[in-house]
């Protein structure tokens, strides 16, 4: 715990474990089901999950175990937190926020549960910024202000090879308008109002990834930004995107290269690449 205000999030925030530990952020894992076996996300190897998806094995996600949230809040209270800010994946994408609210009612200290209306490192960078404010001695109001500002000035841009995984998981939202497109047309997506939303369709994967980088540069708009490149089973593809972004975004403050949360990977599918642009000012 970085200060008197404890920070809790769920694993869809995709925060690398080393950063979460450095800033005292408690990460409650989403649950993954492969066939009949349900496990916490952090114990499911990504290569196992990628293989299962490619073999069309039944894979699904569910909200974290309620006990995980109860323990997280009680542990922070025992370690001296006066209040907790618990920030989670969009309520339009998961029941996680409702599970957190139910657990908050059992905590012995005030717990402020926040629907981020996003996921991935848009959520992750906001939580990291909030934890830094808490670590500097900020009270709950200041920490919440930092969190809100970062969430308001963050964007998720997503490339997927196919929309089929989003369709199967019921997370497709307005991007359903792209269903039925020719296989050669690759969808670019974003998050808007808590839902997956279409950006554009581009002919071919290589061209689509270039357009994804173009979109990220436009979203950065010359500001000082933190940038995350997230992928699921596509490290080489994501590395190419990273190299292009480094050339075109000189005002980048922090760059995070990471495999996306497995719970997100289930829905975007193998081969997906995401870019987070999070303004720091």
C-alpha atoms as a PDB file:
ATOM      1  CA  UNK A   1       0.000   0.000   0.000  1.00  0.00           C
ATOM      2  CA  UNK A   2       1.493   3.304  -1.136  1.00  0.00           C
ATOM      3  CA  UNK A   3      -0.347   5.620   1.291  1.00  0.00           C
ATOM      4  CA  UNK A   4      -3.397   5.957   3.516  1.00  0.00           C
ATOM      5  CA  UNK A   5      -5.654   5.433   0.504  1.00  0.00           C
ATOM      6  CA  UNK A   6      -5.587   1.858  -0.793  1.00  0.00           C
ATOM      7  CA  UNK A   7      -5.986   1.077  -4.502  1.00  0.00           C
ATOM      8  CA  UNK A   8      -7.714  -2.032  -5.802  1.00  0.00           C
ATOM      9  CA  UNK A   9      -8.377  -3.031  -9.396  1.00  0.00           C
ATOM     10  CA  UNK A  10      -9.088  -6.208 -11.335  1.00  0.00           C
ATOM     11  CA  UNK A  11      -6.784  -8.072 -13.659  1.00  0.00           C
ATOM     12  CA  UNK A  12      -8.355  -6.668 -16.834  1.00  0.00           C
ATOM     13  CA  UNK A  13      -6.337  -3.526 -16.063  1.00  0.00           C
ATOM     14  CA  UNK A  14      -3.345  -5.430 -17.525  1.00  0.00           C
ATOM     15  CA  UNK A  15      -0.936  -3.734 -15.104  1.00  0.00           C
ATOM     16  CA  UNK A  16       2.374  -5.635 -15.148  1.00  0.00           C
ATOM     17  CA  UNK A  17       2.852  -7.434 -11.820  1.00  0.00           C
ATOM     18  CA  UNK A  18       6.094  -5.563 -11.109  1.00  0.00           C
ATOM     19  CA  UNK A  19       4.371  -2.174 -11.393  1.00  0.00           C
ATOM     20  CA  UNK A  20       1.437  -3.269  -9.254  1.00  0.00           C
ATOM     21  CA  UNK A  21       3.857  -4.420  -6.556  1.00  0.00           C
ATOM     22  CA  UNK A  22       5.953  -1.254  -6.817  1.00  0.00           C
ATOM     23  CA  UNK A  23       2.946   0.998  -6.240  1.00  0.00           C
ATOM     24  CA  UNK A  24       1.104  -1.171  -3.734  1.00  0.00           C
ATOM     25  CA  UNK A  25      -1.890  -1.870  -5.970  1.00  0.00           C
ATOM     26  CA  UNK A  26      -4.027  -4.882  -5.120  1.00  0.00           C
ATOM     27  CA  UNK A  27      -5.128  -6.731  -8.255  1.00  0.00           C
ATOM     28  CA  UNK A  28      -8.071  -9.119  -7.896  1.00  0.00           C
ATOM     29  CA  UNK A  29      -8.005 -11.776 -10.633  1.00  0.00           C
ATOM     30  CA  UNK A  30     -10.827 -12.424 -13.064  1.00  0.00           C
ATOM     31  CA  UNK A  31     -11.813 -16.079 -13.452  1.00  0.00           C
ATOM     32  CA  UNK A  32     -11.181 -18.100 -16.621  1.00  0.00           C
ATOM     33  CA  UNK A  33     -13.057 -21.258 -17.579  1.00  0.00           C
ATOM     34  CA  UNK A  34     -11.458 -23.671 -20.066  1.00  0.00           C
ATOM     35  CA  UNK A  35     -13.849 -26.533 -20.696  1.00  0.00           C
ATOM     36  CA  UNK A  36     -15.072 -27.473 -17.221  1.00  0.00           C
ATOM     37  CA  UNK A  37     -12.088 -26.098 -15.317  1.00  0.00           C
ATOM     38  CA  UNK A  38     -12.315 -22.673 -13.649  1.00  0.00           C
ATOM     39  CA  UNK A  39      -9.181 -20.938 -12.410  1.00  0.00           C
ATOM     40  CA  UNK A  40      -8.051 -17.482 -11.375  1.00  0.00           C
ATOM     41  CA  UNK A  41      -6.593 -15.660 -14.351  1.00  0.00           C
ATOM     42  CA  UNK A  42      -3.056 -15.343 -13.004  1.00  0.00           C
ATOM     43  CA  UNK A  43      -2.555 -19.133 -12.884  1.00  0.00           C
ATOM     44  CA  UNK A  44      -3.671 -19.725 -16.482  1.00  0.00           C
ATOM     45  CA  UNK A  45      -0.636 -19.589 -18.845  1.00  0.00           C
ATOM     46  CA  UNK A  46      -1.391 -17.469 -21.894  1.00  0.00           C
ATOM     47  CA  UNK A  47      -0.070 -20.106 -24.285  1.00  0.00           C
ATOM     48  CA  UNK A  48      -2.510 -22.630 -22.856  1.00  0.00           C
ATOM     49  CA  UNK A  49      -5.352 -20.180 -23.383  1.00  0.00           C
ATOM     50  CA  UNK A  50      -4.266 -19.323 -26.940  1.00  0.00           C
ATOM     51  CA  UNK A  51      -4.119 -23.016 -27.808  1.00  0.00           C
ATOM     52  CA  UNK A  52      -7.557 -23.649 -26.331  1.00  0.00           C
ATOM     53  CA  UNK A  53      -9.087 -20.803 -28.322  1.00  0.00           C
ATOM     54  CA  UNK A  54      -7.481 -21.927 -31.565  1.00  0.00           C
ATOM     55  CA  UNK A  55      -8.769 -25.463 -31.003  1.00  0.00           C
ATOM     56  CA  UNK A  56     -12.303 -24.121 -30.416  1.00  0.00           C
ATOM     57  CA  UNK A  57     -12.410 -25.435 -26.861  1.00  0.00           C
ATOM     58  CA  UNK A  58     -15.163 -23.757 -24.860  1.00  0.00           C
ATOM     59  CA  UNK A  59     -13.541 -20.825 -23.031  1.00  0.00           C
ATOM     60  CA  UNK A  60     -15.286 -18.128 -20.997  1.00  0.00           C
ATOM     61  CA  UNK A  61     -14.620 -15.502 -18.337  1.00  0.00           C
ATOM     62  CA  UNK A  62     -16.444 -14.495 -15.200  1.00  0.00           C
ATOM     63  CA  UNK A  63     -16.126 -11.832 -12.533  1.00  0.00           C
ATOM     64  CA  UNK A  64     -13.599 -12.337  -9.723  1.00  0.00           C
ATOM     65  CA  UNK A  65     -14.530 -14.474  -6.757  1.00  0.00           C
ATOM     66  CA  UNK A  66     -16.363 -12.184  -4.270  1.00  0.00           C
ATOM     67  CA  UNK A  67     -14.085 -13.458  -1.512  1.00  0.00           C
ATOM     68  CA  UNK A  68     -11.139 -11.948  -3.361  1.00  0.00           C
ATOM     69  CA  UNK A  69     -12.591  -8.465  -2.992  1.00  0.00           C
ATOM     70  CA  UNK A  70     -13.570  -8.992   0.653  1.00  0.00           C
ATOM     71  CA  UNK A  71     -10.029 -10.119   1.448  1.00  0.00           C
ATOM     72  CA  UNK A  72      -8.484  -7.221  -0.498  1.00  0.00           C
ATOM     73  CA  UNK A  73     -10.476  -4.573   1.368  1.00  0.00           C
ATOM     74  CA  UNK A  74      -9.954  -6.161   4.773  1.00  0.00           C
ATOM     75  CA  UNK A  75      -6.234  -6.603   4.135  1.00  0.00           C
ATOM     76  CA  UNK A  76      -5.824  -2.935   3.215  1.00  0.00           C
ATOM     77  CA  UNK A  77      -7.718  -1.905   6.339  1.00  0.00           C
ATOM     78  CA  UNK A  78      -5.465  -4.136   8.459  1.00  0.00           C
ATOM     79  CA  UNK A  79      -2.391  -2.496   6.893  1.00  0.00           C
ATOM     80  CA  UNK A  80      -3.557   0.982   7.848  1.00  0.00           C
ATOM     81  CA  UNK A  81      -5.680   2.249   4.953  1.00  0.00           C
ATOM     82  CA  UNK A  82      -8.285   4.816   5.949  1.00  0.00           C
ATOM     83  CA  UNK A  83     -10.190   4.469   2.666  1.00  0.00           C
ATOM     84  CA  UNK A  84     -10.055   2.334  -0.469  1.00  0.00           C
ATOM     85  CA  UNK A  85     -10.671   3.274  -4.093  1.00  0.00           C
ATOM     86  CA  UNK A  86     -11.621   0.204  -6.100  1.00  0.00           C
ATOM     87  CA  UNK A  87     -11.579   0.757  -9.881  1.00  0.00           C
ATOM     88  CA  UNK A  88     -12.805  -1.785 -12.403  1.00  0.00           C
ATOM     89  CA  UNK A  89     -13.628  -2.808 -15.945  1.00  0.00           C
ATOM     90  CA  UNK A  90     -16.701  -1.254 -17.540  1.00  0.00           C
ATOM     91  CA  UNK A  91     -19.943  -2.507 -16.067  1.00  0.00           C
ATOM     92  CA  UNK A  92     -21.182  -2.926 -19.630  1.00  0.00           C
ATOM     93  CA  UNK A  93     -18.486  -5.542 -20.202  1.00  0.00           C
ATOM     94  CA  UNK A  94     -18.498  -7.465 -16.926  1.00  0.00           C
ATOM     95  CA  UNK A  95     -20.322  -7.996 -13.615  1.00  0.00           C
ATOM     96  CA  UNK A  96     -17.087  -7.232 -11.763  1.00  0.00           C
ATOM     97  CA  UNK A  97     -18.291  -3.830 -10.600  1.00  0.00           C
ATOM     98  CA  UNK A  98     -21.369  -5.352  -8.939  1.00  0.00           C
ATOM     99  CA  UNK A  99     -19.279  -7.982  -7.172  1.00  0.00           C
ATOM    100  CA  UNK A 100     -16.967  -5.256  -5.888  1.00  0.00           C
ATOM    101  CA  UNK A 101     -19.886  -3.192  -4.593  1.00  0.00           C
ATOM    102  CA  UNK A 102     -21.312  -6.149  -2.700  1.00  0.00           C
ATOM    103  CA  UNK A 103     -17.936  -6.832  -1.105  1.00  0.00           C
ATOM    104  CA  UNK A 104     -17.465  -3.147  -0.243  1.00  0.00           C
ATOM    105  CA  UNK A 105     -20.529  -3.333   1.985  1.00  0.00           C
ATOM    106  CA  UNK A 106     -18.633  -5.839   4.158  1.00  0.00           C
ATOM    107  CA  UNK A 107     -15.477  -3.743   4.521  1.00  0.00           C
ATOM    108  CA  UNK A 108     -14.725  -2.028   7.796  1.00  0.00           C
ATOM    109  CA  UNK A 109     -13.607   1.201   6.084  1.00  0.00           C
ATOM    110  CA  UNK A 110     -15.095   3.347   3.295  1.00  0.00           C
ATOM    111  CA  UNK A 111     -14.641   1.765  -0.151  1.00  0.00           C
ATOM    112  CA  UNK A 112     -15.328   3.892  -3.223  1.00  0.00           C
ATOM    113  CA  UNK A 113     -16.144   1.562  -6.137  1.00  0.00           C
ATOM    114  CA  UNK A 114     -15.573   3.164  -9.548  1.00  0.00           C
ATOM    115  CA  UNK A 115     -16.784   1.961 -12.948  1.00  0.00           C
ATOM    116  CA  UNK A 116     -13.938   2.999 -15.261  1.00  0.00           C
ATOM    117  CA  UNK A 117     -16.082   2.579 -18.414  1.00  0.00           C
ATOM    118  CA  UNK A 118     -13.014   1.056 -20.062  1.00  0.00           C
ATOM    119  CA  UNK A 119     -10.490  -1.763 -19.684  1.00  0.00           C
ATOM    120  CA  UNK A 120      -6.880  -2.643 -20.482  1.00  0.00           C
ATOM    121  CA  UNK A 121      -4.132  -0.132 -19.802  1.00  0.00           C
ATOM    122  CA  UNK A 122      -6.546   2.813 -20.063  1.00  0.00           C
ATOM    123  CA  UNK A 123      -7.736   1.460 -16.743  1.00  0.00           C
ATOM    124  CA  UNK A 124      -4.217   0.421 -15.739  1.00  0.00           C
ATOM    125  CA  UNK A 125      -2.558   3.791 -16.288  1.00  0.00           C
ATOM    126  CA  UNK A 126      -5.357   5.572 -14.420  1.00  0.00           C
ATOM    127  CA  UNK A 127      -4.919   3.264 -11.428  1.00  0.00           C
ATOM    128  CA  UNK A 128      -1.138   3.688 -11.512  1.00  0.00           C
ATOM    129  CA  UNK A 129      -1.485   7.482 -11.558  1.00  0.00           C
ATOM    130  CA  UNK A 130      -3.942   7.308  -8.653  1.00  0.00           C
ATOM    131  CA  UNK A 131      -1.543   5.097  -6.684  1.00  0.00           C
ATOM    132  CA  UNK A 132       1.267   7.620  -7.195  1.00  0.00           C
ATOM    133  CA  UNK A 133      -0.963  10.381  -5.842  1.00  0.00           C
ATOM    134  CA  UNK A 134      -1.813   8.204  -2.840  1.00  0.00           C
ATOM    135  CA  UNK A 135       1.871   7.443  -2.326  1.00  0.00           C
ATOM    136  CA  UNK A 136       2.622  11.168  -2.247  1.00  0.00           C
ATOM    137  CA  UNK A 137       0.193  11.534   0.652  1.00  0.00           C
ATOM    138  CA  UNK A 138      -2.921  12.498  -1.289  1.00  0.00           C
ATOM    139  CA  UNK A 139      -6.267  12.025   0.398  1.00  0.00           C
ATOM    140  CA  UNK A 140      -9.157  10.153  -1.215  1.00  0.00           C
ATOM    141  CA  UNK A 141     -10.479  13.272  -2.936  1.00  0.00           C
ATOM    142  CA  UNK A 142      -7.125  14.036  -4.574  1.00  0.00           C
ATOM    143  CA  UNK A 143      -6.608  10.413  -5.556  1.00  0.00           C
ATOM    144  CA  UNK A 144     -10.071  10.292  -7.097  1.00  0.00           C
ATOM    145  CA  UNK A 145      -9.361  13.509  -9.002  1.00  0.00           C
ATOM    146  CA  UNK A 146      -6.205  12.024 -10.500  1.00  0.00           C
ATOM    147  CA  UNK A 147      -8.050   8.853 -11.404  1.00  0.00           C
ATOM    148  CA  UNK A 148     -10.943  10.666 -13.058  1.00  0.00           C
ATOM    149  CA  UNK A 149      -8.675  12.915 -15.104  1.00  0.00           C
ATOM    150  CA  UNK A 150      -6.644  10.021 -16.458  1.00  0.00           C
ATOM    151  CA  UNK A 151      -9.739   8.025 -17.350  1.00  0.00           C
ATOM    152  CA  UNK A 152     -11.208  10.996 -19.196  1.00  0.00           C
ATOM    153  CA  UNK A 153      -8.052  11.450 -21.274  1.00  0.00           C
ATOM    154  CA  UNK A 154      -7.313   7.843 -22.206  1.00  0.00           C
ATOM    155  CA  UNK A 155      -8.100   5.904 -25.370  1.00  0.00           C
ATOM    156  CA  UNK A 156      -8.090   2.215 -26.234  1.00  0.00           C
ATOM    157  CA  UNK A 157      -7.446   1.274 -29.860  1.00  0.00           C
ATOM    158  CA  UNK A 158      -7.744  -2.397 -30.778  1.00  0.00           C
ATOM    159  CA  UNK A 159      -6.911  -4.560 -33.772  1.00  0.00           C
ATOM    160  CA  UNK A 160      -8.432  -8.044 -33.962  1.00  0.00           C
ATOM    161  CA  UNK A 161      -7.998 -10.728 -36.595  1.00  0.00           C
ATOM    162  CA  UNK A 162     -11.662 -11.647 -36.277  1.00  0.00           C
ATOM    163  CA  UNK A 163     -14.759 -10.487 -34.413  1.00  0.00           C
ATOM    164  CA  UNK A 164     -15.798 -14.059 -33.709  1.00  0.00           C
ATOM    165  CA  UNK A 165     -14.381 -14.142 -30.166  1.00  0.00           C
ATOM    166  CA  UNK A 166     -16.134 -10.911 -29.204  1.00  0.00           C
ATOM    167  CA  UNK A 167     -19.358 -12.274 -30.656  1.00  0.00           C
ATOM    168  CA  UNK A 168     -19.081 -15.550 -28.738  1.00  0.00           C
ATOM    169  CA  UNK A 169     -18.434 -13.726 -25.478  1.00  0.00           C
ATOM    170  CA  UNK A 170     -21.297 -11.272 -25.941  1.00  0.00           C
ATOM    171  CA  UNK A 171     -18.932  -8.270 -25.715  1.00  0.00           C
ATOM    172  CA  UNK A 172     -19.247  -7.076 -29.283  1.00  0.00           C
ATOM    173  CA  UNK A 173     -21.494  -4.046 -28.670  1.00  0.00           C
ATOM    174  CA  UNK A 174     -21.818  -1.652 -31.585  1.00  0.00           C
ATOM    175  CA  UNK A 175     -18.995  -3.462 -33.384  1.00  0.00           C
ATOM    176  CA  UNK A 176     -21.632  -6.001 -34.445  1.00  0.00           C
ATOM    177  CA  UNK A 177     -22.087  -3.704 -37.443  1.00  0.00           C
ATOM    178  CA  UNK A 178     -18.840  -5.198 -38.781  1.00  0.00           C
ATOM    179  CA  UNK A 179     -20.018  -8.813 -38.593  1.00  0.00           C
ATOM    180  CA  UNK A 180     -20.274 -10.571 -41.907  1.00  0.00           C
ATOM    181  CA  UNK A 181     -17.455  -8.574 -43.493  1.00  0.00           C
ATOM    182  CA  UNK A 182     -15.033 -10.297 -45.841  1.00  0.00           C
ATOM    183  CA  UNK A 183     -12.210 -12.063 -44.005  1.00  0.00           C
ATOM    184  CA  UNK A 184      -9.671  -9.785 -45.690  1.00  0.00           C
ATOM    185  CA  UNK A 185     -11.281  -6.737 -44.048  1.00  0.00           C
ATOM    186  CA  UNK A 186      -9.715  -6.349 -40.611  1.00  0.00           C
ATOM    187  CA  UNK A 187     -11.623  -4.478 -37.896  1.00  0.00           C
ATOM    188  CA  UNK A 188     -10.187  -1.656 -35.820  1.00  0.00           C
ATOM    189  CA  UNK A 189     -12.097  -0.997 -32.609  1.00  0.00           C
ATOM    190  CA  UNK A 190     -12.172   1.367 -29.666  1.00  0.00           C
ATOM    191  CA  UNK A 191     -13.979   1.727 -26.334  1.00  0.00           C
ATOM    192  CA  UNK A 192     -16.755   4.295 -26.084  1.00  0.00           C
ATOM    193  CA  UNK A 193     -19.231   4.700 -23.236  1.00  0.00           C
ATOM    194  CA  UNK A 194     -18.071   1.407 -21.801  1.00  0.00           C
ATOM    195  CA  UNK A 195     -18.671  -0.612 -24.955  1.00  0.00           C
ATOM    196  CA  UNK A 196     -16.581  -1.984 -27.793  1.00  0.00           C
ATOM    197  CA  UNK A 197     -17.238   0.342 -30.722  1.00  0.00           C
ATOM    198  CA  UNK A 198     -16.177   0.138 -34.387  1.00  0.00           C
ATOM    199  CA  UNK A 199     -13.508   2.485 -35.680  1.00  0.00           C
ATOM    200  CA  UNK A 200     -12.976   1.333 -39.255  1.00  0.00           C
ATOM    201  CA  UNK A 201     -12.405  -1.723 -41.475  1.00  0.00           C
ATOM    202  CA  UNK A 202      -9.131  -1.982 -43.342  1.00  0.00           C
ATOM    203  CA  UNK A 203      -8.052  -4.341 -46.108  1.00  0.00           C
ATOM    204  CA  UNK A 204      -5.331  -6.665 -44.794  1.00  0.00           C
ATOM    205  CA  UNK A 205      -3.639  -7.065 -41.417  1.00  0.00           C
ATOM    206  CA  UNK A 206      -0.485  -5.094 -42.234  1.00  0.00           C
ATOM    207  CA  UNK A 207      -2.405  -2.089 -43.507  1.00  0.00           C
ATOM    208  CA  UNK A 208      -4.783  -2.299 -40.537  1.00  0.00           C
ATOM    209  CA  UNK A 209      -1.891  -2.174 -38.066  1.00  0.00           C
ATOM    210  CA  UNK A 210      -0.492   0.892 -39.809  1.00  0.00           C
ATOM    211  CA  UNK A 211      -3.874   2.568 -39.526  1.00  0.00           C
ATOM    212  CA  UNK A 212      -3.980   1.592 -35.852  1.00  0.00           C
ATOM    213  CA  UNK A 213      -0.710   3.472 -35.325  1.00  0.00           C
ATOM    214  CA  UNK A 214      -2.069   6.440 -37.300  1.00  0.00           C
ATOM    215  CA  UNK A 215      -5.130   6.524 -35.048  1.00  0.00           C
ATOM    216  CA  UNK A 216      -2.933   6.430 -31.930  1.00  0.00           C
ATOM    217  CA  UNK A 217      -0.876   9.385 -33.171  1.00  0.00           C
ATOM    218  CA  UNK A 218      -4.072  11.355 -33.785  1.00  0.00           C
ATOM    219  CA  UNK A 219      -5.363  10.545 -30.306  1.00  0.00           C
ATOM    220  CA  UNK A 220      -2.078  11.663 -28.760  1.00  0.00           C
ATOM    221  CA  UNK A 221      -2.457  14.975 -30.595  1.00  0.00           C
ATOM    222  CA  UNK A 222       1.018  16.211 -29.641  1.00  0.00           C
ATOM    223  CA  UNK A 223       0.370  15.900 -25.898  1.00  0.00           C
ATOM    224  CA  UNK A 224       2.636  14.258 -23.346  1.00  0.00           C
ATOM    225  CA  UNK A 225       1.258  10.746 -23.073  1.00  0.00           C
ATOM    226  CA  UNK A 226       1.860   7.331 -21.604  1.00  0.00           C
ATOM    227  CA  UNK A 227       1.615   4.612 -24.228  1.00  0.00           C
ATOM    228  CA  UNK A 228       0.947   0.911 -23.803  1.00  0.00           C
ATOM    229  CA  UNK A 229       1.190  -1.731 -26.485  1.00  0.00           C
ATOM    230  CA  UNK A 230      -0.769  -4.812 -25.503  1.00  0.00           C
ATOM    231  CA  UNK A 231      -1.094  -8.052 -27.414  1.00  0.00           C
ATOM    232  CA  UNK A 232      -2.526 -11.526 -27.098  1.00  0.00           C
ATOM    233  CA  UNK A 233      -0.348 -14.229 -28.573  1.00  0.00           C
ATOM    234  CA  UNK A 234       1.216 -11.772 -31.039  1.00  0.00           C
ATOM    235  CA  UNK A 235       4.543 -10.491 -29.648  1.00  0.00           C
ATOM    236  CA  UNK A 236       6.225  -9.973 -33.027  1.00  0.00           C
ATOM    237  CA  UNK A 237       3.278  -8.034 -34.408  1.00  0.00           C
ATOM    238  CA  UNK A 238       3.118  -5.901 -31.261  1.00  0.00           C
ATOM    239  CA  UNK A 239       6.871  -5.221 -31.405  1.00  0.00           C
ATOM    240  CA  UNK A 240       6.468  -3.838 -34.919  1.00  0.00           C
ATOM    241  CA  UNK A 241       3.700  -1.531 -33.662  1.00  0.00           C
ATOM    242  CA  UNK A 242       5.914  -0.447 -30.755  1.00  0.00           C
ATOM    243  CA  UNK A 243       8.790   0.464 -33.082  1.00  0.00           C
ATOM    244  CA  UNK A 244       6.504   2.568 -35.279  1.00  0.00           C
ATOM    245  CA  UNK A 245       5.016   4.384 -32.307  1.00  0.00           C
ATOM    246  CA  UNK A 246       8.444   5.236 -30.889  1.00  0.00           C
ATOM    247  CA  UNK A 247       9.285   6.996 -34.143  1.00  0.00           C
ATOM    248  CA  UNK A 248       6.068   8.993 -34.255  1.00  0.00           C
ATOM    249  CA  UNK A 249       5.354   9.889 -30.621  1.00  0.00           C
ATOM    250  CA  UNK A 250       8.430  11.721 -29.300  1.00  0.00           C
ATOM    251  CA  UNK A 251       6.518  13.191 -26.335  1.00  0.00           C
ATOM    252  CA  UNK A 252       5.879   9.767 -24.817  1.00  0.00           C
ATOM    253  CA  UNK A 253       6.452   9.743 -21.055  1.00  0.00           C
ATOM    254  CA  UNK A 254       6.187   6.031 -20.316  1.00  0.00           C
ATOM    255  CA  UNK A 255       5.978   3.046 -22.631  1.00  0.00           C
ATOM    256  CA  UNK A 256       4.584  -0.281 -21.433  1.00  0.00           C
ATOM    257  CA  UNK A 257       4.854  -3.388 -23.580  1.00  0.00           C
ATOM    258  CA  UNK A 258       2.781  -6.224 -22.171  1.00  0.00           C
ATOM    259  CA  UNK A 259       0.600  -9.189 -22.929  1.00  0.00           C
ATOM    260  CA  UNK A 260      -2.987  -8.194 -22.346  1.00  0.00           C
ATOM    261  CA  UNK A 261      -5.002  -9.629 -19.479  1.00  0.00           C
ATOM    262  CA  UNK A 262      -6.047 -13.191 -20.290  1.00  0.00           C
ATOM    263  CA  UNK A 263      -9.640 -12.212 -19.554  1.00  0.00           C
ATOM    264  CA  UNK A 264      -9.469  -9.667 -22.375  1.00  0.00           C
ATOM    265  CA  UNK A 265      -7.587 -12.117 -24.577  1.00  0.00           C
ATOM    266  CA  UNK A 266     -10.480 -14.563 -24.426  1.00  0.00           C
ATOM    267  CA  UNK A 267     -12.701 -11.950 -26.081  1.00  0.00           C
ATOM    268  CA  UNK A 268     -10.338 -10.327 -28.576  1.00  0.00           C
ATOM    269  CA  UNK A 269      -8.729 -13.605 -29.620  1.00  0.00           C
ATOM    270  CA  UNK A 270      -5.190 -14.629 -30.610  1.00  0.00           C
ATOM    271  CA  UNK A 271      -3.372 -12.139 -32.803  1.00  0.00           C
ATOM    272  CA  UNK A 272      -4.994  -9.069 -31.247  1.00  0.00           C
ATOM    273  CA  UNK A 273      -2.958  -5.910 -30.642  1.00  0.00           C
ATOM    274  CA  UNK A 274      -4.054  -2.898 -28.620  1.00  0.00           C
ATOM    275  CA  UNK A 275      -2.678   0.583 -28.101  1.00  0.00           C
ATOM    276  CA  UNK A 276      -3.469   2.716 -25.077  1.00  0.00           C
ATOM    277  CA  UNK A 277      -2.919   6.461 -25.242  1.00  0.00           C
ATOM    278  CA  UNK A 278      -3.167   8.081 -21.809  1.00  0.00           C
ATOM    279  CA  UNK A 279      -2.519  11.813 -21.498  1.00  0.00           C
ATOM    280  CA  UNK A 280      -0.423  12.732 -18.473  1.00  0.00           C
ATOM    281  CA  UNK A 281      -1.410  16.431 -18.314  1.00  0.00           C
END
